[in-house]
Amino acid sequence: MSRVFLTVLDAVGAGEAADAAEYGDAGSNTLGHVIAACHPELPNMAGMGLGNIETTGYRWDGPVAGAWGRARELSKGKDTTSGHWEIAGVRVTRAFPVFPDGFPKSFMEAYEKAIGYKCIGNKPASGTAIIEELGEAHLRDRTPIVYTSGDSVFQIACHEELFPPEKLYEFCRTAREMLQGELGVGRVIARPFVGQPGSFKRTGNRRDFSMPPCGRTLPQAVMEASMESIGVGKIEDIFAHEGLTKIDHAAGNPACMDALVRFMKTDFDGLCFTNLVDTDSVYGHRNDPEGFAGALEEFDARLEEMKALLHPGDLMIITADHGCDPCDISTDHTRENIPILAWTPGMTASVDLGMRDTFADIAATCADWLGMPERFDAVSFADALRK
């Protein structure tokens, strides 16, 4: 029996990509800047090799048992969808469209007709800022708030007492059906909130409605091999509910880590793919390095418990999907390389995985570890871990 636990620390990039300047992200380094600014205590990740990744700047004099390295993204973009898909073996060759001036008037008119409500907003904005700006008008006039960002997203914010989550999800499904072709954003996102003017707060009922993957993914391959393919957190949304045998759509890092631990306590063959979103949605996009550092510390504190639950033959991989440097002036994602930390029970050596040519090396490694033939046009580093 072999299990692979693949965990994505959302937006925890490890230094600017070679083409970062093309995305306006020259000098970005999410992990390095957060560590330099806030000095989080991350002994368990450091013991797996975090400090050996030079761009993190993490100082660690203790022993290292684990594999460490970085990977570059071949896909076009710097968002959740392209990052996770490439981690799962699928590269995005054409960047999802972005809308710095909002969505076209003709589309918005058609969309409003389809859902039966006028919308307000339709501009790039911070999610917390736009509900403070437009939340009162939204409540008064029953007008869904539409906004986007530097990422390929169509986001709809609605107060839960005015439009309950299921109604908001209907709005999102309609948008997802309509946003195709040149308007085909990577994700349509439901952003429910509660509260009163001056004290609005987003809830945990967020849902993402992604484009279906444009190729065969690691979760699909695992499922087709008659093994468990488990998604924790927003994994099911990122992969449009494809290729998963079990899900736990937990919201927020504490609940997702609890779900991950519960699956670690069960016996199965296959993959458990987890997204821990708070570093991105709660802290990265809000330029909150202290909160970001705290979320890293909270995950690190659970690592010892998680490692103790691994069986002989299991594999743990910790990585990221892009950056979202909370120490720069932007609130958008940043085009960065991603860190890789890997460990299997009984591993005592420090293994340098170097710079991987694609995120998809992770998919190749997971498939290799599970005895599957797929390599997703990438290179497995499983043999380095077995040694």
Protein backbone atom coordinates (compact mmCIF):
# COMPACT_ATOMS: atom_id res chain seq x y z
CA MET A 1 0.00 0.00 0.00
CA SER A 2 1.36 3.40 -1.03
CA ARG A 3 -0.10 6.79 -0.28
CA VAL A 4 1.01 10.18 -1.56
CA PHE A 5 0.07 13.33 0.35
CA LEU A 6 0.54 16.32 -1.93
CA THR A 7 -0.04 19.64 -0.17
CA VAL A 8 -0.06 23.03 -1.87
CA LEU A 9 0.67 26.04 0.34
CA ASP A 10 -1.24 28.48 -1.82
CA ALA A 11 0.84 31.42 -3.11
CA VAL A 12 3.99 30.48 -1.15
CA GLY A 13 6.38 31.28 -4.02
CA ALA A 14 10.14 30.91 -3.65
CA GLY A 15 11.58 33.72 -5.74
CA GLU A 16 10.98 35.46 -9.04
CA ALA A 17 10.73 33.36 -12.17
CA ALA A 18 13.09 34.05 -15.05
CA ASP A 19 10.24 35.74 -16.92
CA ALA A 20 8.80 37.59 -13.90
CA ALA A 21 9.42 41.00 -15.47
CA GLU A 22 7.04 40.10 -18.31
CA TYR A 23 4.30 39.82 -15.70
CA GLY A 24 5.30 42.97 -13.81
CA ASP A 25 6.78 40.90 -10.99
CA ALA A 26 10.52 41.55 -11.12
CA GLY A 27 12.03 41.16 -7.66
CA SER A 28 9.13 39.19 -6.18
CA ASN A 29 10.02 36.60 -3.55
CA THR A 30 7.13 35.65 -1.33
CA LEU A 31 8.88 33.27 1.05
CA GLY A 32 12.12 35.24 1.18
CA HIS A 33 10.46 38.56 1.90
CA VAL A 34 8.07 37.15 4.53
CA ILE A 35 10.93 35.37 6.30
CA ALA A 36 13.13 38.49 6.21
CA ALA A 37 10.34 40.74 7.48
CA CYS A 38 8.72 38.51 10.11
CA HIS A 39 11.26 35.79 11.05
CA PRO A 40 8.72 32.95 11.45
CA GLU A 41 9.77 29.83 13.32
CA LEU A 42 9.52 26.93 10.84
CA PRO A 43 11.65 24.15 12.35
CA ASN A 44 9.81 21.21 10.80
CA MET A 45 9.97 22.51 7.24
CA ALA A 46 13.56 23.56 7.91
CA GLY A 47 14.29 19.98 8.97
CA MET A 48 13.04 18.89 5.53
CA GLY A 49 15.34 21.37 3.77
CA LEU A 50 13.53 24.71 3.63
CA GLY A 51 16.68 26.61 4.62
CA ASN A 52 18.67 24.87 1.89
CA ILE A 53 16.53 26.65 -0.70
CA GLU A 54 18.70 29.74 -1.00
CA THR A 55 15.96 32.15 -2.02
CA THR A 56 14.06 31.61 1.24
CA GLY A 57 16.85 33.07 3.39
CA TYR A 58 15.77 30.82 6.27
CA ARG A 59 18.58 30.28 8.78
CA TRP A 60 18.76 26.75 10.12
CA ASP A 61 21.69 25.00 11.77
CA GLY A 62 19.90 21.77 12.63
CA PRO A 63 19.94 18.44 10.78
CA VAL A 64 18.12 18.05 7.48
CA ALA A 65 16.38 14.85 6.43
CA GLY A 66 14.37 15.36 3.30
CA ALA A 67 14.46 16.45 -0.31
CA TRP A 68 14.33 20.09 -1.31
CA GLY A 69 14.39 22.15 -4.46
CA ARG A 70 12.37 24.47 -6.68
CA ALA A 71 10.42 24.25 -9.93
CA ARG A 72 9.71 26.70 -12.73
CA GLU A 73 6.34 27.11 -14.39
CA LEU A 74 6.06 26.41 -18.10
CA SER A 75 2.40 27.40 -18.25
CA LYS A 76 1.33 30.87 -19.20
CA GLY A 77 0.00 32.72 -16.18
CA LYS A 78 0.48 33.04 -12.46
CA ASP A 79 -2.78 31.85 -11.02
CA THR A 80 -4.30 29.00 -9.03
CA THR A 81 -5.65 27.17 -12.06
CA SER A 82 -2.51 27.11 -14.19
CA GLY A 83 -0.32 26.37 -11.16
CA HIS A 84 -2.35 23.44 -9.87
CA TRP A 85 -2.95 22.02 -13.32
CA GLU A 86 0.77 22.00 -14.08
CA ILE A 87 1.51 20.42 -10.69
CA ALA A 88 -0.98 17.76 -11.80
CA GLY A 89 0.71 17.33 -15.17
CA VAL A 90 -1.22 19.68 -17.49
CA ARG A 91 0.43 22.78 -18.93
CA VAL A 92 -1.56 25.84 -20.01
CA THR A 93 -0.09 27.00 -23.31
CA ARG A 94 -2.38 30.00 -23.76
CA ALA A 95 -2.82 32.34 -20.83
CA PHE A 96 -6.32 32.75 -19.47
CA PRO A 97 -7.61 36.27 -20.31
CA VAL A 98 -7.54 39.09 -17.80
CA PHE A 99 -9.75 42.19 -17.77
CA PRO A 100 -7.96 45.23 -16.33
CA ASP A 101 -10.81 47.49 -17.50
CA GLY A 102 -13.60 45.19 -16.39
CA PHE A 103 -15.70 42.89 -18.55
CA PRO A 104 -17.15 44.11 -21.86
CA LYS A 105 -20.43 46.03 -21.69
CA SER A 106 -22.07 43.64 -24.14
CA PHE A 107 -21.21 40.67 -21.96
CA MET A 108 -22.43 42.36 -18.77
CA GLU A 109 -25.75 43.27 -20.39
CA ALA A 110 -26.23 39.67 -21.53
CA TYR A 111 -25.22 38.35 -18.12
CA GLU A 112 -27.60 40.67 -16.25
CA LYS A 113 -30.42 39.55 -18.51
CA ALA A 114 -29.56 35.91 -17.86
CA ILE A 115 -29.60 36.20 -14.05
CA GLY A 116 -32.38 38.81 -13.84
CA TYR A 117 -30.43 41.38 -11.81
CA LYS A 118 -28.38 44.46 -12.53
CA CYS A 119 -24.77 44.26 -11.33
CA ILE A 120 -22.43 46.86 -9.87
CA GLY A 121 -18.65 47.09 -9.76
CA ASN A 122 -17.21 45.40 -12.85
CA LYS A 123 -13.64 46.48 -12.19
CA PRO A 124 -10.42 45.12 -10.72
CA ALA A 125 -10.51 45.37 -6.94
CA SER A 126 -9.52 43.83 -3.64
CA GLY A 127 -12.32 41.59 -2.44
CA THR A 128 -12.49 43.11 1.01
CA ALA A 129 -12.25 46.67 -0.32
CA ILE A 130 -15.02 46.30 -2.88
CA ILE A 131 -17.59 44.99 -0.43
CA GLU A 132 -16.83 47.91 1.87
CA GLU A 133 -17.18 50.28 -1.09
CA LEU A 134 -20.31 48.79 -2.66
CA GLY A 135 -21.86 46.59 0.03
CA GLU A 136 -24.39 49.18 1.18
CA ALA A 137 -25.60 49.84 -2.39
CA HIS A 138 -25.72 46.07 -2.96
CA LEU A 139 -28.06 45.64 0.04
CA ARG A 140 -30.20 48.62 -0.90
CA ASP A 141 -30.64 47.85 -4.59
CA ARG A 142 -30.27 44.02 -4.70
CA THR A 143 -27.38 44.30 -7.15
CA PRO A 144 -24.71 41.56 -7.21
CA ILE A 145 -21.16 42.92 -7.03
CA VAL A 146 -18.97 41.81 -9.94
CA TYR A 147 -15.22 42.36 -9.90
CA THR A 148 -11.96 40.93 -11.14
CA SER A 149 -8.25 41.29 -10.33
CA GLY A 150 -4.87 40.90 -11.99
CA ASP A 151 -5.77 37.22 -12.30
CA SER A 152 -8.15 35.57 -14.76
CA VAL A 153 -11.22 35.62 -12.54
CA PHE A 154 -14.86 36.73 -12.62
CA GLN A 155 -15.86 37.20 -8.99
CA ILE A 156 -19.36 37.74 -7.66
CA ALA A 157 -19.90 39.02 -4.12
CA CYS A 158 -23.33 38.80 -2.49
CA HIS A 159 -24.58 39.21 1.07
CA GLU A 160 -25.79 35.84 2.36
CA GLU A 161 -29.00 37.30 3.80
CA LEU A 162 -29.89 38.86 0.45
CA PHE A 163 -28.72 36.09 -1.86
CA PRO A 164 -28.08 32.81 0.00
CA PRO A 165 -25.01 30.85 -1.13
CA GLU A 166 -26.99 28.47 -3.35
CA LYS A 167 -28.44 31.43 -5.25
CA LEU A 168 -24.96 32.94 -5.59
CA TYR A 169 -23.71 29.61 -6.92
CA GLU A 170 -26.47 29.75 -9.55
CA PHE A 171 -25.19 33.17 -10.62
CA CYS A 172 -21.69 31.66 -10.88
CA ARG A 173 -22.79 28.64 -12.90
CA THR A 174 -24.52 30.97 -15.35
CA ALA A 175 -21.36 33.08 -15.65
CA ARG A 176 -19.23 29.95 -16.10
CA GLU A 177 -21.44 28.79 -18.99
CA MET A 178 -21.24 32.20 -20.65
CA LEU A 179 -17.53 32.92 -20.11
CA GLN A 180 -16.04 30.85 -22.91
CA GLY A 181 -13.69 31.46 -25.83
CA GLU A 182 -12.02 34.87 -25.67
CA LEU A 183 -13.86 35.54 -22.40
CA GLY A 184 -12.90 32.18 -20.95
CA VAL A 185 -11.53 33.15 -17.54
CA GLY A 186 -9.78 30.52 -15.49
CA ARG A 187 -12.23 30.76 -12.61
CA VAL A 188 -15.61 32.17 -11.67
CA ILE A 189 -15.57 32.68 -7.90
CA ALA A 190 -18.48 33.01 -5.47
CA ARG A 191 -17.60 35.48 -2.72
CA PRO A 192 -20.39 35.48 -0.10
CA PHE A 193 -20.25 37.89 2.83
CA VAL A 194 -22.22 38.89 5.91
CA GLY A 195 -22.42 41.84 8.30
CA GLN A 196 -23.45 45.47 8.13
CA PRO A 197 -21.90 48.53 6.44
CA GLY A 198 -18.56 49.20 8.08
CA SER A 199 -18.23 45.64 9.33
CA PHE A 200 -18.73 43.34 6.34
CA LYS A 201 -16.93 40.00 6.51
CA ARG A 202 -16.46 37.31 3.86
CA THR A 203 -17.63 33.82 4.86
CA GLY A 204 -16.24 30.35 4.33
CA ASN A 205 -18.86 29.55 1.66
CA ARG A 206 -16.60 30.57 -1.21
CA ARG A 207 -16.76 28.32 -4.26
CA ASP A 208 -14.63 28.31 -7.40
CA PHE A 209 -16.04 27.32 -10.80
CA SER A 210 -13.05 26.47 -12.97
CA MET A 211 -12.59 25.64 -16.60
CA PRO A 212 -12.28 21.86 -17.02
CA PRO A 213 -8.61 20.81 -17.28
CA CYS A 214 -7.28 20.91 -20.83
CA GLY A 215 -5.57 17.52 -20.51
CA ARG A 216 -5.37 14.34 -18.46
CA THR A 217 -4.41 15.12 -14.87
CA LEU A 218 -2.69 13.20 -12.09
CA PRO A 219 -5.98 12.84 -10.13
CA GLN A 220 -7.69 11.39 -13.22
CA ALA A 221 -4.84 8.95 -13.78
CA VAL A 222 -4.92 7.84 -10.14
CA MET A 223 -8.69 7.34 -10.21
CA GLU A 224 -8.49 5.41 -13.50
CA ALA A 225 -5.88 3.14 -11.89
CA SER A 226 -8.59 2.15 -9.34
CA MET A 227 -6.92 3.99 -6.48
CA GLU A 228 -8.34 6.67 -4.22
CA SER A 229 -7.97 10.21 -5.54
CA ILE A 230 -8.87 12.53 -2.67
CA GLY A 231 -9.26 16.31 -2.78
CA VAL A 232 -9.15 18.52 0.31
CA GLY A 233 -10.13 22.19 0.32
CA LYS A 234 -10.75 23.82 -3.05
CA ILE A 235 -9.06 21.05 -5.05
CA GLU A 236 -12.42 19.82 -6.35
CA ASP A 237 -13.22 23.30 -7.68
CA ILE A 238 -9.81 23.78 -9.32
CA PHE A 239 -10.22 20.54 -11.25
CA ALA A 240 -13.91 21.14 -12.05
CA HIS A 241 -14.90 18.12 -9.94
CA GLU A 242 -13.04 15.78 -12.30
CA GLY A 243 -10.80 12.86 -11.29
CA LEU A 244 -11.70 12.66 -7.60
CA THR A 245 -13.12 9.71 -5.68
CA LYS A 246 -13.53 11.53 -2.35
CA ILE A 247 -13.64 15.19 -1.33
CA ASP A 248 -13.66 17.27 1.80
CA HIS A 249 -14.45 20.85 0.81
CA ALA A 250 -13.15 22.25 4.10
CA ALA A 251 -12.78 26.03 4.29
CA GLY A 252 -9.71 27.69 5.78
CA ASN A 253 -6.37 26.24 6.75
CA PRO A 254 -7.28 24.84 10.21
CA ALA A 255 -10.25 22.89 8.82
CA CYS A 256 -8.25 21.70 5.79
CA MET A 257 -5.37 20.53 7.97
CA ASP A 258 -7.84 18.68 10.19
CA ALA A 259 -9.32 17.00 7.09
CA LEU A 260 -5.86 16.07 5.83
CA VAL A 261 -5.00 14.49 9.18
CA ARG A 262 -8.26 12.50 9.13
CA PHE A 263 -7.36 11.06 5.73
CA MET A 264 -3.85 10.28 6.98
CA LYS A 265 -5.46 8.14 9.67
CA THR A 266 -7.24 6.00 7.07
CA ASP A 267 -5.88 3.17 4.96
CA PHE A 268 -5.98 3.57 1.19
CA ASP A 269 -3.85 3.34 -1.92
CA GLY A 270 -3.53 6.56 -3.89
CA LEU A 271 -3.35 10.32 -3.66
CA CYS A 272 -4.54 12.93 -1.18
CA PHE A 273 -4.24 16.38 -2.82
CA THR A 274 -4.73 19.33 -0.44
CA ASN A 275 -4.85 23.09 -0.94
CA LEU A 276 -4.20 25.38 2.03
CA VAL A 277 -5.59 28.69 0.81
CA ASP A 278 -5.19 31.16 3.68
CA THR A 279 -1.67 32.28 2.76
CA ASP A 280 -3.15 33.46 -0.53
CA SER A 281 -6.70 34.65 0.09
CA VAL A 282 -6.47 35.90 3.66
CA TYR A 283 -2.91 37.28 3.81
CA GLY A 284 -1.19 37.47 0.42
CA HIS A 285 -3.90 39.45 -1.34
CA ARG A 286 -4.20 41.75 1.68
CA ASN A 287 -0.48 42.51 1.89
CA ASP A 288 -0.29 41.10 5.41
CA PRO A 289 3.17 39.55 5.88
CA GLU A 290 2.63 39.03 9.62
CA GLY A 291 -0.53 37.01 9.02
CA PHE A 292 1.20 35.15 6.20
CA ALA A 293 4.07 34.24 8.52
CA GLY A 294 1.61 33.11 11.18
CA ALA A 295 -0.15 30.80 8.72
CA LEU A 296 3.20 29.25 7.81
CA GLU A 297 3.95 28.70 11.49
CA GLU A 298 0.55 27.07 12.04
CA PHE A 299 1.18 24.62 9.21
CA ASP A 300 4.71 23.92 10.39
CA ALA A 301 3.41 23.15 13.88
CA ARG A 302 1.16 20.41 12.44
CA LEU A 303 3.91 18.82 10.36
CA GLU A 304 5.34 16.70 13.15
CA GLU A 305 1.89 15.18 13.75
CA MET A 306 1.43 14.58 10.02
CA LYS A 307 4.80 12.93 9.54
CA ALA A 308 4.09 10.59 12.46
CA LEU A 309 0.96 9.38 10.65
CA LEU A 310 2.81 8.34 7.50
CA HIS A 311 3.21 4.62 6.88
CA PRO A 312 6.35 3.01 5.45
CA GLY A 313 6.13 3.55 1.71
CA ASP A 314 4.12 6.78 1.97
CA LEU A 315 5.33 10.04 0.45
CA MET A 316 4.72 13.64 1.54
CA ILE A 317 5.30 16.53 -0.88
CA ILE A 318 4.86 20.18 0.10
CA THR A 319 4.86 22.81 -2.61
CA ALA A 320 3.06 25.95 -3.89
CA ASP A 321 1.25 27.07 -7.04
CA HIS A 322 2.56 30.65 -7.58
CA GLY A 323 3.52 33.63 -5.43
CA CYS A 324 1.54 36.45 -3.86
CA ASP A 325 4.25 38.58 -2.29
CA PRO A 326 2.62 40.45 0.61
CA CYS A 327 5.63 42.75 0.90
CA ASP A 328 5.20 44.48 -2.47
CA ILE A 329 2.70 47.18 -3.42
CA SER A 330 0.48 44.94 -5.51
CA THR A 331 -2.27 42.72 -4.10
CA ASP A 332 -2.10 40.35 -7.09
CA HIS A 333 -0.35 37.02 -7.58
CA THR A 334 3.33 37.08 -8.51
CA ARG A 335 5.12 35.00 -11.14
CA GLU A 336 7.51 32.91 -9.06
CA ASN A 337 9.23 29.57 -8.92
CA ILE A 338 7.77 27.22 -6.34
CA PRO A 339 9.47 25.38 -3.47
CA ILE A 340 9.48 21.59 -3.22
CA LEU A 341 9.92 19.70 0.04
CA ALA A 342 9.57 15.90 0.10
CA TRP A 343 9.89 13.24 2.77
CA THR A 344 9.18 9.55 3.19
CA PRO A 345 9.44 7.53 6.45
CA GLY A 346 12.94 6.30 7.10
CA MET A 347 14.52 9.08 5.06
CA THR A 348 17.62 10.40 6.81
CA ALA A 349 19.60 12.07 4.03
CA SER A 350 19.48 15.61 2.64
CA VAL A 351 18.66 15.44 -1.07
CA ASP A 352 19.08 18.40 -3.42
CA LEU A 353 16.45 18.19 -6.17
CA GLY A 354 17.80 21.31 -7.87
CA MET A 355 15.69 23.50 -10.14
CA ARG A 356 13.06 21.39 -11.88
CA ASP A 357 12.15 22.36 -15.43
CA THR A 358 8.41 22.17 -14.83
CA PHE A 359 5.90 21.93 -11.99
CA ALA A 360 4.80 18.72 -13.72
CA ASP A 361 7.85 16.90 -12.31
CA ILE A 362 5.71 16.67 -9.17
CA ALA A 363 2.97 14.81 -11.07
CA ALA A 364 5.57 12.52 -12.61
CA THR A 365 7.00 11.76 -9.16
CA CYS A 366 3.60 11.05 -7.60
CA ALA A 367 2.68 8.71 -10.45
CA ASP A 368 6.07 6.96 -10.24
CA TRP A 369 5.70 6.52 -6.48
CA LEU A 370 2.28 4.95 -6.92
CA GLY A 371 3.59 2.51 -9.53
CA MET A 372 1.84 4.18 -12.45
CA PRO A 373 3.39 4.56 -15.92
CA GLU A 374 2.35 8.19 -16.56
CA ARG A 375 5.08 10.84 -16.56
CA PHE A 376 3.16 13.79 -18.07
CA ASP A 377 6.11 14.74 -20.31
CA ALA A 378 8.08 15.46 -17.16
CA VAL A 379 10.83 13.88 -15.07
CA SER A 380 10.22 11.99 -11.83
CA PHE A 381 12.52 12.53 -8.86
CA ALA A 382 11.19 9.46 -7.03
CA ASP A 383 14.45 7.52 -7.39
CA ALA A 384 16.30 10.29 -5.55
CA LEU A 385 13.89 9.86 -2.66
CA ARG A 386 14.17 6.07 -2.61
CA LYS A 387 17.94 6.25 -2.29
